[in-house]
């Protein structure tokens, strides 16, 4: 019912790191599945990482070993730690809380 708010994007050099945050709301946050997605112009929005409602964590093959998804239920906030960034990681990143609308996203640009 309420848009989440993504933050933490920016310009970073290849090999660098960023930590994205997503501020959500609602007393049911802790029991909802959550995920991070990304999208570039002309391409489908793709799942980057997710935490299922049973706690199982999933990563896209392209980010496995480099990105870490986490959540703080007390703060109704989720995070995406991104390390060893590559130019192909450049995209608008969106967080998703099961049952809630999409937010506006935050831009991550990886470039020298």
C-alpha atoms as a PDB file:
ATOM      1  CA  UNK A   1       0.000   0.000   0.000  1.00  0.00           C
ATOM      2  CA  UNK A   2       2.949   2.363   0.552  1.00  0.00           C
ATOM      3  CA  UNK A   3       5.941   2.804  -1.730  1.00  0.00           C
ATOM      4  CA  UNK A   4       9.309   1.812  -0.303  1.00  0.00           C
ATOM      5  CA  UNK A   5      12.114   4.366  -0.595  1.00  0.00           C
ATOM      6  CA  UNK A   6      15.453   3.272  -2.018  1.00  0.00           C
ATOM      7  CA  UNK A   7      18.674   5.149  -1.334  1.00  0.00           C
ATOM      8  CA  UNK A   8      22.438   4.743  -1.495  1.00  0.00           C
ATOM      9  CA  UNK A   9      23.012   4.683  -5.226  1.00  0.00           C
ATOM     10  CA  UNK A  10      25.655   6.715  -6.974  1.00  0.00           C
ATOM     11  CA  UNK A  11      28.704   6.650  -9.194  1.00  0.00           C
ATOM     12  CA  UNK A  12      31.419   4.183  -8.282  1.00  0.00           C
ATOM     13  CA  UNK A  13      34.534   2.859 -10.002  1.00  0.00           C
ATOM     14  CA  UNK A  14      34.799  -0.775 -11.072  1.00  0.00           C
ATOM     15  CA  UNK A  15      35.832  -2.872  -8.107  1.00  0.00           C
ATOM     16  CA  UNK A  16      34.227  -0.460  -5.680  1.00  0.00           C
ATOM     17  CA  UNK A  17      31.386  -0.955  -3.236  1.00  0.00           C
ATOM     18  CA  UNK A  18      28.007   0.538  -2.440  1.00  0.00           C
ATOM     19  CA  UNK A  19      25.367  -0.225   0.132  1.00  0.00           C
ATOM     20  CA  UNK A  20      21.769   0.315  -0.877  1.00  0.00           C
ATOM     21  CA  UNK A  21      19.017   0.822   1.663  1.00  0.00           C
ATOM     22  CA  UNK A  22      15.279   0.426   1.329  1.00  0.00           C
ATOM     23  CA  UNK A  23      12.982   1.956   3.896  1.00  0.00           C
ATOM     24  CA  UNK A  24       9.645   0.229   4.189  1.00  0.00           C
ATOM     25  CA  UNK A  25       6.789   0.471   6.642  1.00  0.00           C
ATOM     26  CA  UNK A  26       4.055  -1.587   8.210  1.00  0.00           C
ATOM     27  CA  UNK A  27       3.790  -4.040  11.047  1.00  0.00           C
ATOM     28  CA  UNK A  28       3.764  -7.007   8.660  1.00  0.00           C
ATOM     29  CA  UNK A  29       7.184  -6.263   7.122  1.00  0.00           C
ATOM     30  CA  UNK A  30       8.856  -9.040   9.088  1.00  0.00           C
ATOM     31  CA  UNK A  31       6.693 -11.775   7.568  1.00  0.00           C
ATOM     32  CA  UNK A  32       6.881 -10.613   3.962  1.00  0.00           C
ATOM     33  CA  UNK A  33       9.278 -11.766   1.300  1.00  0.00           C
ATOM     34  CA  UNK A  34      11.602  -9.029   0.040  1.00  0.00           C
ATOM     35  CA  UNK A  35      13.894  -8.576  -2.914  1.00  0.00           C
ATOM     36  CA  UNK A  36      16.167  -6.292  -4.882  1.00  0.00           C
ATOM     37  CA  UNK A  37      15.683  -5.888  -8.630  1.00  0.00           C
ATOM     38  CA  UNK A  38      17.469  -3.889 -11.286  1.00  0.00           C
ATOM     39  CA  UNK A  39      16.618  -2.549 -14.709  1.00  0.00           C
ATOM     40  CA  UNK A  40      18.487  -0.930 -17.590  1.00  0.00           C
ATOM     41  CA  UNK A  41      16.870   0.833 -20.579  1.00  0.00           C
ATOM     42  CA  UNK A  42      15.333  -1.592 -23.037  1.00  0.00           C
ATOM     43  CA  UNK A  43      15.679  -4.588 -20.755  1.00  0.00           C
ATOM     44  CA  UNK A  44      13.411  -6.486 -18.416  1.00  0.00           C
ATOM     45  CA  UNK A  45      13.570  -5.817 -14.732  1.00  0.00           C
ATOM     46  CA  UNK A  46      15.533  -8.679 -13.228  1.00  0.00           C
ATOM     47  CA  UNK A  47      15.756 -10.173  -9.790  1.00  0.00           C
ATOM     48  CA  UNK A  48      19.111  -9.538  -8.135  1.00  0.00           C
ATOM     49  CA  UNK A  49      18.568 -10.987  -4.677  1.00  0.00           C
ATOM     50  CA  UNK A  50      15.648 -12.030  -2.533  1.00  0.00           C
ATOM     51  CA  UNK A  51      14.718 -13.318   0.884  1.00  0.00           C
ATOM     52  CA  UNK A  52      11.729 -15.615   0.770  1.00  0.00           C
ATOM     53  CA  UNK A  53       9.079 -15.555   3.454  1.00  0.00           C
ATOM     54  CA  UNK A  54      10.702 -18.647   4.978  1.00  0.00           C
ATOM     55  CA  UNK A  55      14.109 -16.945   5.150  1.00  0.00           C
ATOM     56  CA  UNK A  56      15.674 -18.620   2.128  1.00  0.00           C
ATOM     57  CA  UNK A  57      18.042 -16.297   0.257  1.00  0.00           C
ATOM     58  CA  UNK A  58      18.426 -16.273  -3.506  1.00  0.00           C
ATOM     59  CA  UNK A  59      20.923 -14.475  -5.740  1.00  0.00           C
ATOM     60  CA  UNK A  60      21.193 -14.032  -9.453  1.00  0.00           C
ATOM     61  CA  UNK A  61      24.182 -15.917 -10.817  1.00  0.00           C
ATOM     62  CA  UNK A  62      25.684 -12.655 -12.039  1.00  0.00           C
ATOM     63  CA  UNK A  63      25.971 -11.228  -8.515  1.00  0.00           C
ATOM     64  CA  UNK A  64      26.537 -14.343  -6.432  1.00  0.00           C
ATOM     65  CA  UNK A  65      29.567 -13.955  -4.210  1.00  0.00           C
ATOM     66  CA  UNK A  66      29.645 -10.175  -4.635  1.00  0.00           C
ATOM     67  CA  UNK A  67      26.276  -8.946  -3.324  1.00  0.00           C
ATOM     68  CA  UNK A  68      24.631  -9.584   0.030  1.00  0.00           C
ATOM     69  CA  UNK A  69      20.981  -8.982   0.843  1.00  0.00           C
ATOM     70  CA  UNK A  70      19.895  -8.435   4.428  1.00  0.00           C
ATOM     71  CA  UNK A  71      17.035  -7.017   6.428  1.00  0.00           C
ATOM     72  CA  UNK A  72      16.434  -5.338   9.762  1.00  0.00           C
ATOM     73  CA  UNK A  73      12.871  -6.050  10.733  1.00  0.00           C
ATOM     74  CA  UNK A  74      12.950  -3.736  13.748  1.00  0.00           C
ATOM     75  CA  UNK A  75      13.770  -0.843  11.413  1.00  0.00           C
ATOM     76  CA  UNK A  76      11.596  -2.176   8.562  1.00  0.00           C
ATOM     77  CA  UNK A  77      14.608  -1.692   6.326  1.00  0.00           C
ATOM     78  CA  UNK A  78      16.376  -3.932   3.842  1.00  0.00           C
ATOM     79  CA  UNK A  79      19.862  -3.600   2.399  1.00  0.00           C
ATOM     80  CA  UNK A  80      21.960  -4.663  -0.526  1.00  0.00           C
ATOM     81  CA  UNK A  81      25.706  -4.649   0.027  1.00  0.00           C
ATOM     82  CA  UNK A  82      27.413  -4.578  -3.361  1.00  0.00           C
ATOM     83  CA  UNK A  83      31.121  -5.342  -3.618  1.00  0.00           C
ATOM     84  CA  UNK A  84      33.495  -5.805  -6.537  1.00  0.00           C
ATOM     85  CA  UNK A  85      31.166  -3.814  -8.746  1.00  0.00           C
ATOM     86  CA  UNK A  86      31.360  -4.222 -12.498  1.00  0.00           C
ATOM     87  CA  UNK A  87      30.198  -1.904 -15.301  1.00  0.00           C
ATOM     88  CA  UNK A  88      27.464  -4.405 -16.127  1.00  0.00           C
ATOM     89  CA  UNK A  89      25.987  -3.796 -12.666  1.00  0.00           C
ATOM     90  CA  UNK A  90      24.971  -0.320 -13.829  1.00  0.00           C
ATOM     91  CA  UNK A  91      21.195  -0.045 -13.498  1.00  0.00           C
ATOM     92  CA  UNK A  92      18.359   1.457 -11.545  1.00  0.00           C
ATOM     93  CA  UNK A  93      17.905  -0.693  -8.472  1.00  0.00           C
ATOM     94  CA  UNK A  94      14.494  -1.257  -6.936  1.00  0.00           C
ATOM     95  CA  UNK A  95      13.453  -2.931  -3.741  1.00  0.00           C
ATOM     96  CA  UNK A  96      10.269  -4.922  -3.455  1.00  0.00           C
ATOM     97  CA  UNK A  97       8.273  -5.912  -0.427  1.00  0.00           C
ATOM     98  CA  UNK A  98       5.693  -8.596  -1.133  1.00  0.00           C
ATOM     99  CA  UNK A  99       2.294  -6.988  -1.595  1.00  0.00           C
ATOM    100  CA  UNK A 100       3.568  -3.383  -1.760  1.00  0.00           C
ATOM    101  CA  UNK A 101       4.027  -1.125  -4.800  1.00  0.00           C
ATOM    102  CA  UNK A 102       7.373  -0.504  -6.453  1.00  0.00           C
ATOM    103  CA  UNK A 103       9.411   2.465  -5.323  1.00  0.00           C
ATOM    104  CA  UNK A 104      11.176   4.959  -7.589  1.00  0.00           C
ATOM    105  CA  UNK A 105      14.509   3.167  -7.487  1.00  0.00           C
ATOM    106  CA  UNK A 106      18.052   4.385  -7.022  1.00  0.00           C
ATOM    107  CA  UNK A 107      20.630   4.653  -9.793  1.00  0.00           C
ATOM    108  CA  UNK A 108      23.898   2.758  -9.569  1.00  0.00           C
ATOM    109  CA  UNK A 109      26.508   3.702 -12.158  1.00  0.00           C
ATOM    110  CA  UNK A 110      29.761   1.758 -12.333  1.00  0.00           C
ATOM    111  CA  UNK A 111      32.298   3.530 -14.508  1.00  0.00           C
ATOM    112  CA  UNK A 112      35.919   4.703 -14.474  1.00  0.00           C
END
